[in-house]
């Protein structure tokens, strides 16, 4: 079953308009809700994520994702890379996502991060990739682990594609609200003193008492679950 995602974009190039982090997070939340709709699971099942995102309509463009975990991924210079997202005219409507299992090894955190990052490219850059797929193969390469950290925020130097992919990755794997609940739950369990930092998700409520654990008890024991 496929689902639809909509966000602001240029109708000629299909490129997304510049997006604030919060908007990117909302897209990630939509995807996450399709995978774990009933309970606040901390750890996403990757197989379930892949199945759920095989067929997606993004801004009216149907995208079929094709995943490959056996390929030896390399950049244009022939150097090994963690992953790549690309489109080719030989696969109409398809976005090809490859992860370098040999380079990732048994580092589960790196597999999850790379997979989510590449999926972000598929969802945000896939429509424009398919628009240009009649040209030479269009690919976005993730060369190494440092590529999965936020790029510089200078307006002139901002790489919006990588910024979107990284913000999507973080919001998909570690949603802020879910992390906040877990932080509060663990803090209460350890008897740590909590303090209201005045943010939009304060640790303490107005009364100055730790928040009731409504909605938090279901998180107990699930930090390592799927």
N, C-alpha and C. Protein backbone atom coordinates (compact mmCIF):
# COMPACT_ATOMS: atom_id res chain seq x y z
N UNK A 1 0.84 -1.19 0.00
CA UNK A 1 0.00 0.00 0.00
C UNK A 1 0.89 1.24 0.00
N UNK A 2 0.59 2.18 -0.88
CA UNK A 2 1.40 3.39 -0.93
C UNK A 2 0.67 4.55 -0.26
N UNK A 3 1.43 5.54 0.13
CA UNK A 3 0.82 6.71 0.73
C UNK A 3 1.40 7.96 0.09
N UNK A 4 0.78 9.09 0.36
CA UNK A 4 1.15 10.33 -0.29
C UNK A 4 1.80 11.30 0.69
N UNK A 5 2.81 12.01 0.19
CA UNK A 5 3.46 13.07 0.94
C UNK A 5 3.36 14.35 0.11
N UNK A 6 3.11 15.45 0.78
CA UNK A 6 3.00 16.74 0.09
C UNK A 6 3.79 17.78 0.88
N UNK A 7 4.59 18.56 0.17
CA UNK A 7 5.31 19.68 0.77
C UNK A 7 5.55 20.72 -0.33
N UNK A 8 5.89 21.94 0.00
CA UNK A 8 6.08 23.00 -1.01
C UNK A 8 7.23 22.67 -1.95
N UNK A 9 7.01 22.90 -3.26
CA UNK A 9 8.04 22.58 -4.24
C UNK A 9 7.89 23.45 -5.49
N UNK A 10 8.94 23.46 -6.29
CA UNK A 10 8.93 24.18 -7.56
C UNK A 10 8.30 23.28 -8.62
N UNK A 11 7.25 23.73 -9.26
CA UNK A 11 6.51 22.88 -10.19
C UNK A 11 7.27 22.58 -11.48
N UNK A 12 8.28 23.35 -11.77
CA UNK A 12 9.07 23.08 -12.99
C UNK A 12 10.16 22.05 -12.73
N UNK A 13 10.93 22.26 -11.68
CA UNK A 13 12.06 21.36 -11.39
C UNK A 13 11.70 20.21 -10.47
N UNK A 14 10.56 20.35 -9.76
CA UNK A 14 10.14 19.40 -8.73
C UNK A 14 11.04 19.45 -7.49
N UNK A 15 11.94 20.43 -7.44
CA UNK A 15 12.79 20.60 -6.26
C UNK A 15 11.98 21.18 -5.12
N UNK A 16 12.18 20.71 -3.89
CA UNK A 16 11.48 21.30 -2.74
C UNK A 16 11.91 22.75 -2.54
N UNK A 17 10.99 23.56 -2.05
CA UNK A 17 11.37 24.90 -1.63
C UNK A 17 12.23 24.77 -0.37
N UNK A 18 13.04 25.77 -0.05
CA UNK A 18 13.78 25.74 1.22
C UNK A 18 12.80 25.51 2.37
N UNK A 19 13.15 24.57 3.24
CA UNK A 19 12.24 24.18 4.31
C UNK A 19 12.91 24.33 5.66
N UNK A 20 12.14 24.82 6.63
CA UNK A 20 12.63 24.86 8.00
C UNK A 20 12.68 23.45 8.57
N UNK A 21 13.50 23.29 9.59
CA UNK A 21 13.67 21.96 10.19
C UNK A 21 12.34 21.38 10.64
N UNK A 22 11.49 22.22 11.23
CA UNK A 22 10.21 21.74 11.75
C UNK A 22 9.33 21.14 10.65
N UNK A 23 9.41 21.69 9.45
CA UNK A 23 8.61 21.17 8.34
C UNK A 23 9.15 19.81 7.89
N UNK A 24 10.45 19.70 7.88
CA UNK A 24 11.07 18.42 7.52
C UNK A 24 10.71 17.36 8.56
N UNK A 25 10.72 17.76 9.83
CA UNK A 25 10.36 16.82 10.90
C UNK A 25 8.93 16.33 10.71
N UNK A 26 8.04 17.21 10.26
CA UNK A 26 6.64 16.80 10.10
C UNK A 26 6.50 15.75 9.01
N UNK A 27 7.32 15.85 7.97
CA UNK A 27 7.31 14.82 6.93
C UNK A 27 7.79 13.49 7.51
N UNK A 28 8.85 13.55 8.31
CA UNK A 28 9.36 12.34 8.96
C UNK A 28 8.32 11.73 9.88
N UNK A 29 7.57 12.59 10.57
CA UNK A 29 6.52 12.11 11.46
C UNK A 29 5.42 11.39 10.68
N UNK A 30 5.10 11.89 9.48
CA UNK A 30 4.10 11.22 8.65
C UNK A 30 4.57 9.82 8.27
N UNK A 31 5.83 9.73 7.88
CA UNK A 31 6.38 8.42 7.50
C UNK A 31 6.40 7.50 8.71
N UNK A 32 6.83 8.01 9.85
CA UNK A 32 6.91 7.19 11.05
C UNK A 32 5.53 6.69 11.48
N UNK A 33 4.52 7.54 11.34
CA UNK A 33 3.17 7.16 11.73
C UNK A 33 2.64 6.01 10.90
N UNK A 34 3.13 5.88 9.67
CA UNK A 34 2.71 4.78 8.82
C UNK A 34 3.33 3.46 9.26
N UNK A 35 4.50 3.57 9.91
CA UNK A 35 5.23 2.37 10.31
C UNK A 35 4.82 1.90 11.70
N UNK A 36 4.69 2.84 12.62
CA UNK A 36 4.31 2.51 14.01
C UNK A 36 3.12 3.38 14.41
N UNK A 37 1.93 3.11 13.84
CA UNK A 37 0.79 3.99 14.06
C UNK A 37 0.13 3.88 15.42
N UNK A 38 0.35 2.81 16.16
CA UNK A 38 -0.43 2.59 17.37
C UNK A 38 0.32 2.83 18.67
N UNK A 39 1.62 2.74 18.67
CA UNK A 39 2.35 2.87 19.93
C UNK A 39 3.67 3.61 19.71
N UNK A 40 4.16 4.30 20.73
CA UNK A 40 5.38 5.10 20.60
C UNK A 40 6.64 4.24 20.67
N UNK A 41 6.92 3.51 19.60
CA UNK A 41 8.10 2.65 19.56
C UNK A 41 9.35 3.50 19.34
N UNK A 42 10.36 3.25 20.14
CA UNK A 42 11.58 4.03 20.02
C UNK A 42 12.44 3.57 18.85
N UNK A 43 12.51 2.26 18.67
CA UNK A 43 13.42 1.69 17.68
C UNK A 43 12.63 1.17 16.48
N UNK A 44 12.81 1.77 15.33
CA UNK A 44 12.06 1.38 14.13
C UNK A 44 12.61 0.07 13.57
N UNK A 45 11.70 -0.79 13.14
CA UNK A 45 12.07 -2.02 12.45
C UNK A 45 12.42 -1.65 11.01
N UNK A 46 13.66 -1.88 10.60
CA UNK A 46 14.11 -1.44 9.28
C UNK A 46 13.39 -2.16 8.14
N UNK A 47 13.13 -3.46 8.32
CA UNK A 47 12.43 -4.19 7.27
C UNK A 47 11.03 -3.63 7.07
N UNK A 48 10.40 -3.28 8.16
CA UNK A 48 9.07 -2.70 8.08
C UNK A 48 9.12 -1.33 7.41
N UNK A 49 10.15 -0.57 7.71
CA UNK A 49 10.33 0.74 7.09
C UNK A 49 10.50 0.61 5.58
N UNK A 50 11.30 -0.34 5.17
CA UNK A 50 11.54 -0.54 3.74
C UNK A 50 10.27 -0.95 3.02
N UNK A 51 9.53 -1.88 3.62
CA UNK A 51 8.27 -2.32 3.00
C UNK A 51 7.28 -1.17 2.88
N UNK A 52 7.21 -0.36 3.91
CA UNK A 52 6.23 0.73 3.94
C UNK A 52 6.54 1.83 2.94
N UNK A 53 7.80 1.94 2.52
CA UNK A 53 8.19 3.04 1.64
C UNK A 53 8.55 2.57 0.24
N UNK A 54 8.15 1.38 -0.13
CA UNK A 54 8.45 0.90 -1.49
C UNK A 54 7.64 1.64 -2.54
N UNK A 55 6.46 2.08 -2.18
CA UNK A 55 5.60 2.77 -3.14
C UNK A 55 5.01 4.02 -2.49
N UNK A 56 5.44 5.19 -2.96
CA UNK A 56 5.03 6.46 -2.36
C UNK A 56 4.71 7.46 -3.46
N UNK A 57 3.74 8.31 -3.21
CA UNK A 57 3.44 9.41 -4.12
C UNK A 57 3.88 10.70 -3.44
N UNK A 58 4.85 11.38 -4.04
CA UNK A 58 5.39 12.61 -3.47
C UNK A 58 5.03 13.78 -4.38
N UNK A 59 4.22 14.68 -3.89
CA UNK A 59 3.78 15.83 -4.69
C UNK A 59 3.23 15.40 -6.05
N UNK A 60 2.47 14.31 -6.02
CA UNK A 60 1.83 13.83 -7.24
C UNK A 60 2.70 12.93 -8.10
N UNK A 61 3.95 12.74 -7.74
CA UNK A 61 4.87 11.89 -8.50
C UNK A 61 4.96 10.52 -7.83
N UNK A 62 4.61 9.47 -8.57
CA UNK A 62 4.69 8.11 -8.02
C UNK A 62 6.15 7.65 -8.02
N UNK A 63 6.60 7.19 -6.87
CA UNK A 63 7.98 6.73 -6.72
C UNK A 63 7.99 5.31 -6.19
N UNK A 64 8.74 4.46 -6.84
CA UNK A 64 8.97 3.10 -6.34
C UNK A 64 10.43 3.01 -5.91
N UNK A 65 10.68 2.67 -4.66
CA UNK A 65 12.06 2.57 -4.18
C UNK A 65 12.56 1.14 -4.35
N UNK A 66 13.78 1.03 -4.83
CA UNK A 66 14.44 -0.27 -5.01
C UNK A 66 15.67 -0.28 -4.13
N UNK A 67 15.72 -1.22 -3.18
CA UNK A 67 16.79 -1.26 -2.19
C UNK A 67 17.80 -2.34 -2.51
N UNK A 68 19.08 -2.03 -2.31
CA UNK A 68 20.17 -2.97 -2.57
C UNK A 68 21.18 -2.86 -1.42
N UNK A 69 21.39 -3.98 -0.73
CA UNK A 69 22.34 -4.00 0.39
C UNK A 69 23.58 -4.83 0.08
N UNK A 70 23.72 -5.25 -1.15
CA UNK A 70 24.84 -6.11 -1.53
C UNK A 70 25.87 -5.39 -2.38
N UNK A 71 25.50 -4.25 -2.91
CA UNK A 71 26.36 -3.55 -3.85
C UNK A 71 27.55 -2.89 -3.16
N UNK A 72 28.68 -2.84 -3.85
CA UNK A 72 29.84 -2.10 -3.36
C UNK A 72 29.71 -0.68 -3.89
N UNK A 73 29.29 0.24 -3.03
CA UNK A 73 29.00 1.61 -3.45
C UNK A 73 30.29 2.42 -3.53
N UNK A 74 30.41 3.17 -4.63
CA UNK A 74 31.60 4.01 -4.82
C UNK A 74 31.18 5.37 -5.38
N UNK A 75 31.97 6.40 -5.07
CA UNK A 75 31.69 7.72 -5.60
C UNK A 75 32.31 7.87 -6.98
N UNK A 76 32.25 9.08 -7.55
CA UNK A 76 32.75 9.30 -8.91
C UNK A 76 34.25 9.09 -9.02
N UNK A 77 34.95 9.23 -7.90
CA UNK A 77 36.40 9.03 -7.90
C UNK A 77 36.78 7.58 -7.64
N UNK A 78 35.78 6.72 -7.49
CA UNK A 78 36.05 5.30 -7.28
C UNK A 78 36.29 4.92 -5.83
N UNK A 79 36.06 5.88 -4.91
CA UNK A 79 36.26 5.60 -3.49
C UNK A 79 35.00 4.99 -2.89
N UNK A 80 35.18 4.07 -1.95
CA UNK A 80 34.03 3.43 -1.31
C UNK A 80 33.20 4.47 -0.57
N UNK A 81 31.88 4.29 -0.61
CA UNK A 81 30.97 5.20 0.07
C UNK A 81 29.94 4.40 0.85
N UNK A 82 29.30 5.06 1.81
CA UNK A 82 28.31 4.37 2.64
C UNK A 82 27.03 4.04 1.87
N UNK A 83 26.58 4.97 1.05
CA UNK A 83 25.32 4.75 0.36
C UNK A 83 25.15 5.69 -0.81
N UNK A 84 24.14 5.40 -1.62
CA UNK A 84 23.84 6.25 -2.77
C UNK A 84 22.36 6.16 -3.08
N UNK A 85 21.78 7.27 -3.50
CA UNK A 85 20.40 7.31 -3.97
C UNK A 85 20.45 7.87 -5.38
N UNK A 86 19.84 7.17 -6.33
CA UNK A 86 19.97 7.59 -7.72
C UNK A 86 18.74 7.21 -8.54
N UNK A 87 18.65 7.81 -9.70
CA UNK A 87 17.58 7.50 -10.64
C UNK A 87 18.23 7.27 -12.00
N UNK A 88 17.64 6.37 -12.77
CA UNK A 88 18.17 6.04 -14.09
C UNK A 88 16.99 5.83 -15.02
N UNK A 89 17.12 6.32 -16.23
CA UNK A 89 16.03 6.18 -17.20
C UNK A 89 15.68 4.72 -17.46
N UNK A 90 16.61 3.81 -17.19
CA UNK A 90 16.35 2.39 -17.41
C UNK A 90 15.35 1.82 -16.42
N UNK A 91 15.07 2.57 -15.33
CA UNK A 91 14.10 2.13 -14.32
C UNK A 91 13.06 3.23 -14.17
N UNK A 92 12.08 3.30 -15.06
CA UNK A 92 11.08 4.38 -15.02
C UNK A 92 10.34 4.43 -13.68
N UNK A 93 10.27 5.61 -13.11
CA UNK A 93 9.56 5.79 -11.86
C UNK A 93 10.26 5.23 -10.65
N UNK A 94 11.47 4.72 -10.84
CA UNK A 94 12.18 4.09 -9.73
C UNK A 94 13.31 4.94 -9.19
N UNK A 95 13.44 4.93 -7.86
CA UNK A 95 14.59 5.54 -7.19
C UNK A 95 15.37 4.40 -6.57
N UNK A 96 16.64 4.30 -6.90
CA UNK A 96 17.49 3.21 -6.46
C UNK A 96 18.28 3.63 -5.23
N UNK A 97 18.17 2.85 -4.17
CA UNK A 97 18.86 3.17 -2.92
C UNK A 97 19.78 1.99 -2.58
N UNK A 98 21.06 2.27 -2.49
CA UNK A 98 22.04 1.22 -2.19
C UNK A 98 22.83 1.58 -0.94
N UNK A 99 23.03 0.58 -0.09
CA UNK A 99 23.87 0.73 1.10
C UNK A 99 25.04 -0.22 0.99
N UNK A 100 26.21 0.25 1.37
CA UNK A 100 27.43 -0.54 1.29
C UNK A 100 27.58 -1.37 2.56
N UNK A 101 27.05 -2.59 2.54
CA UNK A 101 27.07 -3.45 3.73
C UNK A 101 28.50 -3.74 4.18
N UNK A 102 29.41 -3.87 3.22
CA UNK A 102 30.80 -4.16 3.57
C UNK A 102 31.45 -3.03 4.35
N UNK A 103 31.14 -1.78 3.99
CA UNK A 103 31.72 -0.63 4.67
C UNK A 103 31.02 -0.35 6.00
N UNK A 104 29.70 -0.56 6.03
CA UNK A 104 28.94 -0.34 7.26
C UNK A 104 29.25 -1.40 8.31
N UNK A 105 29.46 -2.63 7.85
CA UNK A 105 29.79 -3.73 8.75
C UNK A 105 28.66 -4.03 9.72
N UNK A 106 29.02 -4.31 10.99
CA UNK A 106 28.01 -4.66 11.98
C UNK A 106 27.60 -3.46 12.84
N UNK A 107 27.87 -2.26 12.36
CA UNK A 107 27.52 -1.04 13.10
C UNK A 107 26.05 -0.70 12.81
N UNK A 108 25.18 -1.20 13.66
CA UNK A 108 23.74 -1.02 13.43
C UNK A 108 23.34 0.45 13.39
N UNK A 109 23.94 1.27 14.26
CA UNK A 109 23.61 2.69 14.28
C UNK A 109 23.93 3.33 12.94
N UNK A 110 25.02 2.89 12.31
CA UNK A 110 25.43 3.46 11.03
C UNK A 110 24.52 2.98 9.90
N UNK A 111 24.09 1.74 9.99
CA UNK A 111 23.14 1.22 8.99
C UNK A 111 21.83 1.99 9.06
N UNK A 112 21.34 2.20 10.27
CA UNK A 112 20.08 2.92 10.45
C UNK A 112 20.20 4.36 9.97
N UNK A 113 21.27 5.00 10.34
CA UNK A 113 21.47 6.40 9.96
C UNK A 113 21.59 6.55 8.45
N UNK A 114 22.39 5.68 7.83
CA UNK A 114 22.58 5.76 6.38
C UNK A 114 21.28 5.46 5.64
N UNK A 115 20.56 4.44 6.11
CA UNK A 115 19.30 4.07 5.47
C UNK A 115 18.30 5.23 5.55
N UNK A 116 18.17 5.83 6.72
CA UNK A 116 17.22 6.93 6.89
C UNK A 116 17.65 8.15 6.09
N UNK A 117 18.94 8.41 6.03
CA UNK A 117 19.46 9.53 5.25
C UNK A 117 19.14 9.35 3.77
N UNK A 118 19.40 8.15 3.25
CA UNK A 118 19.12 7.89 1.83
C UNK A 118 17.63 7.94 1.54
N UNK A 119 16.81 7.46 2.48
CA UNK A 119 15.37 7.55 2.29
C UNK A 119 14.94 9.01 2.22
N UNK A 120 15.58 9.86 3.03
CA UNK A 120 15.30 11.29 2.97
C UNK A 120 15.58 11.85 1.59
N UNK A 121 16.69 11.42 0.98
CA UNK A 121 16.99 11.85 -0.39
C UNK A 121 15.91 11.37 -1.35
N UNK A 122 15.46 10.13 -1.17
CA UNK A 122 14.44 9.59 -2.07
C UNK A 122 13.15 10.40 -1.99
N UNK A 123 12.76 10.79 -0.79
CA UNK A 123 11.49 11.49 -0.60
C UNK A 123 11.56 12.96 -1.01
N UNK A 124 12.68 13.60 -0.75
CA UNK A 124 12.79 15.03 -1.05
C UNK A 124 13.44 15.30 -2.41
N UNK A 125 14.33 14.44 -2.84
CA UNK A 125 15.03 14.66 -4.11
C UNK A 125 14.55 13.71 -5.21
N UNK A 126 13.79 12.67 -4.82
CA UNK A 126 13.32 11.69 -5.79
C UNK A 126 12.54 12.30 -6.95
N UNK A 127 11.55 13.18 -6.69
CA UNK A 127 10.78 13.76 -7.80
C UNK A 127 11.67 14.49 -8.82
N UNK A 128 12.62 15.30 -8.34
CA UNK A 128 13.50 16.01 -9.28
C UNK A 128 14.45 15.04 -9.97
N UNK A 129 14.86 13.98 -9.26
CA UNK A 129 15.70 12.96 -9.88
C UNK A 129 14.98 12.31 -11.05
N UNK A 130 13.72 11.97 -10.84
CA UNK A 130 12.95 11.33 -11.89
C UNK A 130 12.70 12.29 -13.04
N UNK A 131 12.53 13.56 -12.74
CA UNK A 131 12.34 14.56 -13.78
C UNK A 131 13.58 14.63 -14.67
N UNK A 132 14.75 14.39 -14.09
CA UNK A 132 16.00 14.49 -14.85
C UNK A 132 16.55 13.13 -15.27
N UNK A 133 15.79 12.08 -15.05
CA UNK A 133 16.31 10.73 -15.29
C UNK A 133 16.59 10.44 -16.75
N UNK A 134 16.07 11.28 -17.68
CA UNK A 134 16.38 11.07 -19.09
C UNK A 134 17.80 11.50 -19.42
N UNK A 135 18.42 12.24 -18.50
CA UNK A 135 19.80 12.66 -18.68
C UNK A 135 20.70 11.57 -18.10
N UNK A 136 22.01 11.75 -18.13
CA UNK A 136 22.89 10.76 -17.50
C UNK A 136 22.47 10.50 -16.06
N UNK A 137 22.70 9.29 -15.59
CA UNK A 137 22.25 8.87 -14.26
C UNK A 137 22.54 9.93 -13.21
N UNK A 138 21.54 10.23 -12.41
CA UNK A 138 21.59 11.27 -11.39
C UNK A 138 21.73 10.58 -10.05
N UNK A 139 22.82 10.83 -9.32
CA UNK A 139 23.05 10.14 -8.06
C UNK A 139 23.45 11.10 -6.95
N UNK A 140 23.05 10.75 -5.71
CA UNK A 140 23.47 11.47 -4.53
C UNK A 140 24.21 10.48 -3.63
N UNK A 141 25.48 10.74 -3.41
CA UNK A 141 26.34 9.80 -2.70
C UNK A 141 26.57 10.25 -1.26
N UNK A 142 26.51 9.29 -0.33
CA UNK A 142 26.86 9.54 1.06
C UNK A 142 28.25 8.92 1.28
N UNK A 143 29.31 9.72 1.24
CA UNK A 143 30.66 9.17 1.25
C UNK A 143 31.12 8.54 2.56
N UNK A 144 30.79 9.17 3.68
CA UNK A 144 31.30 8.64 4.94
C UNK A 144 30.40 9.10 6.09
N UNK A 145 30.77 8.72 7.31
CA UNK A 145 29.94 8.99 8.48
C UNK A 145 29.82 10.49 8.78
N UNK A 146 30.84 11.26 8.45
CA UNK A 146 30.78 12.69 8.72
C UNK A 146 29.71 13.38 7.88
N UNK A 147 29.32 12.74 6.79
CA UNK A 147 28.29 13.28 5.91
C UNK A 147 26.92 13.26 6.57
N UNK A 148 26.79 12.49 7.65
CA UNK A 148 25.52 12.35 8.34
C UNK A 148 25.36 13.36 9.47
N UNK A 149 26.21 14.35 9.50
CA UNK A 149 26.11 15.41 10.51
C UNK A 149 25.64 16.68 9.81
N UNK A 150 25.04 17.63 10.56
CA UNK A 150 24.49 18.83 9.93
C UNK A 150 25.54 19.63 9.18
N UNK A 151 25.22 20.08 7.95
CA UNK A 151 26.15 20.93 7.19
C UNK A 151 26.13 22.35 7.73
N UNK A 152 27.03 23.17 7.25
CA UNK A 152 27.05 24.57 7.66
C UNK A 152 25.75 25.26 7.34
N UNK A 153 25.38 26.24 8.14
CA UNK A 153 24.09 26.90 7.98
C UNK A 153 24.19 28.24 7.25
N UNK A 154 25.37 28.59 6.76
CA UNK A 154 25.46 29.84 6.00
C UNK A 154 24.57 29.77 4.77
N UNK A 155 23.82 30.82 4.49
CA UNK A 155 22.85 30.79 3.39
C UNK A 155 23.52 30.44 2.07
N UNK A 156 24.71 31.00 1.83
CA UNK A 156 25.39 30.76 0.56
C UNK A 156 25.98 29.36 0.47
N UNK A 157 26.34 28.79 1.63
CA UNK A 157 27.01 27.50 1.61
C UNK A 157 26.07 26.34 1.94
N UNK A 158 24.82 26.65 2.24
CA UNK A 158 23.87 25.60 2.63
C UNK A 158 23.64 24.61 1.50
N UNK A 159 23.87 23.35 1.78
CA UNK A 159 23.53 22.29 0.85
C UNK A 159 22.16 21.78 1.28
N UNK A 160 21.10 22.29 0.66
CA UNK A 160 19.75 21.99 1.10
C UNK A 160 19.42 20.50 1.00
N UNK A 161 19.97 19.83 0.02
CA UNK A 161 19.68 18.40 -0.13
C UNK A 161 20.19 17.61 1.07
N UNK A 162 21.43 17.90 1.46
CA UNK A 162 22.00 17.17 2.59
C UNK A 162 21.36 17.61 3.90
N UNK A 163 21.04 18.89 3.99
CA UNK A 163 20.35 19.40 5.19
C UNK A 163 19.02 18.68 5.38
N UNK A 164 18.24 18.59 4.31
CA UNK A 164 16.94 17.91 4.40
C UNK A 164 17.11 16.44 4.77
N UNK A 165 18.05 15.77 4.12
CA UNK A 165 18.24 14.34 4.37
C UNK A 165 18.65 14.09 5.81
N UNK A 166 19.50 14.95 6.36
CA UNK A 166 19.96 14.76 7.73
C UNK A 166 18.88 15.09 8.76
N UNK A 167 18.13 16.16 8.50
CA UNK A 167 17.04 16.51 9.42
C UNK A 167 15.97 15.42 9.41
N UNK A 168 15.69 14.89 8.23
CA UNK A 168 14.72 13.80 8.10
C UNK A 168 15.22 12.57 8.85
N UNK A 169 16.48 12.24 8.68
CA UNK A 169 17.08 11.10 9.35
C UNK A 169 16.91 11.19 10.86
N UNK A 170 17.26 12.33 11.43
CA UNK A 170 17.17 12.50 12.87
C UNK A 170 15.75 12.42 13.38
N UNK A 171 14.83 13.08 12.67
CA UNK A 171 13.43 13.10 13.11
C UNK A 171 12.76 11.74 12.95
N UNK A 172 13.20 10.97 11.97
CA UNK A 172 12.62 9.64 11.77
C UNK A 172 13.11 8.66 12.83
N UNK A 173 14.40 8.67 13.10
CA UNK A 173 14.98 7.70 14.03
C UNK A 173 14.83 8.11 15.49
N UNK A 174 14.86 9.41 15.75
CA UNK A 174 14.80 9.88 17.14
C UNK A 174 13.93 11.12 17.24
N UNK A 175 12.60 10.96 17.14
CA UNK A 175 11.70 12.11 17.23
C UNK A 175 11.87 12.86 18.55
N UNK A 176 11.82 14.16 18.49
CA UNK A 176 12.07 14.99 19.66
C UNK A 176 11.10 14.67 20.80
N UNK A 177 9.80 14.55 20.48
CA UNK A 177 8.80 14.31 21.52
C UNK A 177 9.04 12.97 22.21
N UNK A 178 9.41 11.95 21.43
CA UNK A 178 9.64 10.63 21.99
C UNK A 178 10.90 10.62 22.85
N UNK A 179 11.93 11.32 22.40
CA UNK A 179 13.15 11.42 23.19
C UNK A 179 12.88 12.16 24.50
N UNK A 180 12.05 13.18 24.43
CA UNK A 180 11.70 13.95 25.63
C UNK A 180 10.99 13.06 26.64
N UNK A 181 10.04 12.27 26.18
CA UNK A 181 9.32 11.36 27.09
C UNK A 181 10.29 10.38 27.73
N UNK A 182 11.19 9.84 26.92
CA UNK A 182 12.13 8.87 27.45
C UNK A 182 13.08 9.51 28.44
N UNK A 183 13.50 10.75 28.15
CA UNK A 183 14.38 11.48 29.07
C UNK A 183 13.70 11.67 30.42
N UNK A 184 12.43 12.08 30.39
CA UNK A 184 11.69 12.29 31.63
C UNK A 184 11.52 10.98 32.37
N UNK A 185 11.15 9.93 31.65
CA UNK A 185 10.93 8.62 32.28
C UNK A 185 12.20 8.12 32.98
N UNK A 186 13.31 8.20 32.26
CA UNK A 186 14.56 7.71 32.83
C UNK A 186 15.03 8.59 33.98
N UNK A 187 14.82 9.90 33.85
CA UNK A 187 15.22 10.81 34.92
C UNK A 187 14.45 10.52 36.20
N UNK A 188 13.14 10.31 36.06
CA UNK A 188 12.32 9.99 37.23
C UNK A 188 12.77 8.66 37.83
N UNK A 189 13.05 7.69 36.96
CA UNK A 189 13.48 6.38 37.44
C UNK A 189 14.80 6.44 38.20
N UNK A 190 15.67 7.36 37.81
CA UNK A 190 16.97 7.49 38.47
C UNK A 190 16.94 8.48 39.63
N UNK A 191 15.79 9.11 39.85
CA UNK A 191 15.67 10.07 40.94
C UNK A 191 16.40 11.36 40.69
N UNK A 192 16.61 11.72 39.42
CA UNK A 192 17.32 12.94 39.10
C UNK A 192 16.41 14.16 39.25
N UNK A 193 16.99 15.27 39.61
CA UNK A 193 16.22 16.50 39.74
C UNK A 193 15.95 17.07 38.36
N UNK A 194 14.68 17.39 38.11
CA UNK A 194 14.30 17.92 36.81
C UNK A 194 14.09 19.43 36.90
N UNK A 195 14.38 20.12 35.82
CA UNK A 195 14.27 21.57 35.82
C UNK A 195 13.59 22.03 34.53
N UNK A 196 12.69 22.99 34.66
CA UNK A 196 12.00 23.55 33.51
C UNK A 196 12.94 24.50 32.77
N UNK A 197 13.28 24.15 31.53
CA UNK A 197 14.19 24.98 30.75
C UNK A 197 13.45 26.04 29.96
N UNK A 198 12.10 26.04 30.07
CA UNK A 198 11.32 27.05 29.38
C UNK A 198 11.15 26.79 27.91
N UNK A 199 11.39 25.58 27.44
CA UNK A 199 11.23 25.26 26.04
C UNK A 199 9.80 24.83 25.76
N UNK A 200 9.52 24.52 24.49
CA UNK A 200 8.15 24.16 24.14
C UNK A 200 7.76 22.79 24.66
N UNK A 201 8.75 22.01 25.12
CA UNK A 201 8.47 20.74 25.75
C UNK A 201 9.22 20.70 27.09
N UNK A 202 8.77 21.52 28.06
CA UNK A 202 9.49 21.62 29.33
C UNK A 202 9.49 20.31 30.10
N UNK A 203 10.53 20.09 30.86
CA UNK A 203 10.63 18.88 31.67
C UNK A 203 9.66 18.95 32.83
N UNK A 204 9.45 20.13 33.39
CA UNK A 204 8.51 20.31 34.48
C UNK A 204 7.28 21.07 34.03
N UNK A 205 6.16 20.74 34.63
CA UNK A 205 4.95 21.48 34.33
C UNK A 205 4.87 22.74 35.20
N UNK A 206 3.83 23.54 34.97
CA UNK A 206 3.72 24.84 35.64
C UNK A 206 3.75 24.72 37.16
N UNK A 207 3.19 23.63 37.70
CA UNK A 207 3.15 23.46 39.14
C UNK A 207 4.48 23.16 39.77
N UNK A 208 5.51 22.94 38.95
CA UNK A 208 6.83 22.67 39.49
C UNK A 208 7.05 21.23 39.88
N UNK A 209 6.06 20.35 39.60
CA UNK A 209 6.20 18.94 39.94
C UNK A 209 6.52 18.15 38.67
N UNK A 210 7.24 17.04 38.82
CA UNK A 210 7.52 16.22 37.64
C UNK A 210 6.21 15.83 36.97
N UNK A 211 6.19 15.78 35.63
CA UNK A 211 4.96 15.44 34.93
C UNK A 211 4.50 14.03 35.26
N UNK A 212 3.19 13.85 35.27
CA UNK A 212 2.67 12.51 35.48
C UNK A 212 3.15 11.61 34.35
N UNK A 213 3.28 10.35 34.63
CA UNK A 213 3.83 9.46 33.63
C UNK A 213 2.75 8.92 32.70
N UNK A 214 1.75 9.75 32.44
CA UNK A 214 0.72 9.35 31.48
C UNK A 214 1.37 9.28 30.10
N UNK A 215 1.24 8.15 29.44
CA UNK A 215 1.84 7.98 28.13
C UNK A 215 3.29 7.59 28.18
N UNK A 216 3.89 7.61 29.39
CA UNK A 216 5.30 7.25 29.51
C UNK A 216 5.49 5.80 29.89
N UNK A 217 4.54 5.24 30.61
CA UNK A 217 4.70 3.87 31.07
C UNK A 217 4.83 2.91 29.92
N UNK A 218 4.18 3.22 28.80
CA UNK A 218 4.23 2.32 27.65
C UNK A 218 5.62 2.27 27.03
N UNK A 219 6.47 3.23 27.40
CA UNK A 219 7.82 3.24 26.86
C UNK A 219 8.77 2.35 27.64
N UNK A 220 8.35 1.92 28.83
CA UNK A 220 9.26 1.15 29.66
C UNK A 220 9.64 -0.15 28.97
N UNK A 221 10.94 -0.36 28.91
CA UNK A 221 11.45 -1.61 28.35
C UNK A 221 11.46 -1.64 26.85
N UNK A 222 11.12 -0.52 26.15
CA UNK A 222 11.05 -0.57 24.71
C UNK A 222 12.22 0.12 24.02
N UNK A 223 13.10 0.66 24.80
CA UNK A 223 14.19 1.39 24.19
C UNK A 223 14.98 0.53 23.21
N UNK A 224 15.09 -0.74 23.48
CA UNK A 224 15.82 -1.62 22.57
C UNK A 224 14.91 -2.44 21.71
N UNK A 225 13.58 -2.24 21.85
CA UNK A 225 12.63 -3.05 21.08
C UNK A 225 12.43 -2.50 19.69
N UNK A 226 11.61 -3.18 18.88
CA UNK A 226 11.39 -2.75 17.52
C UNK A 226 9.92 -2.53 17.28
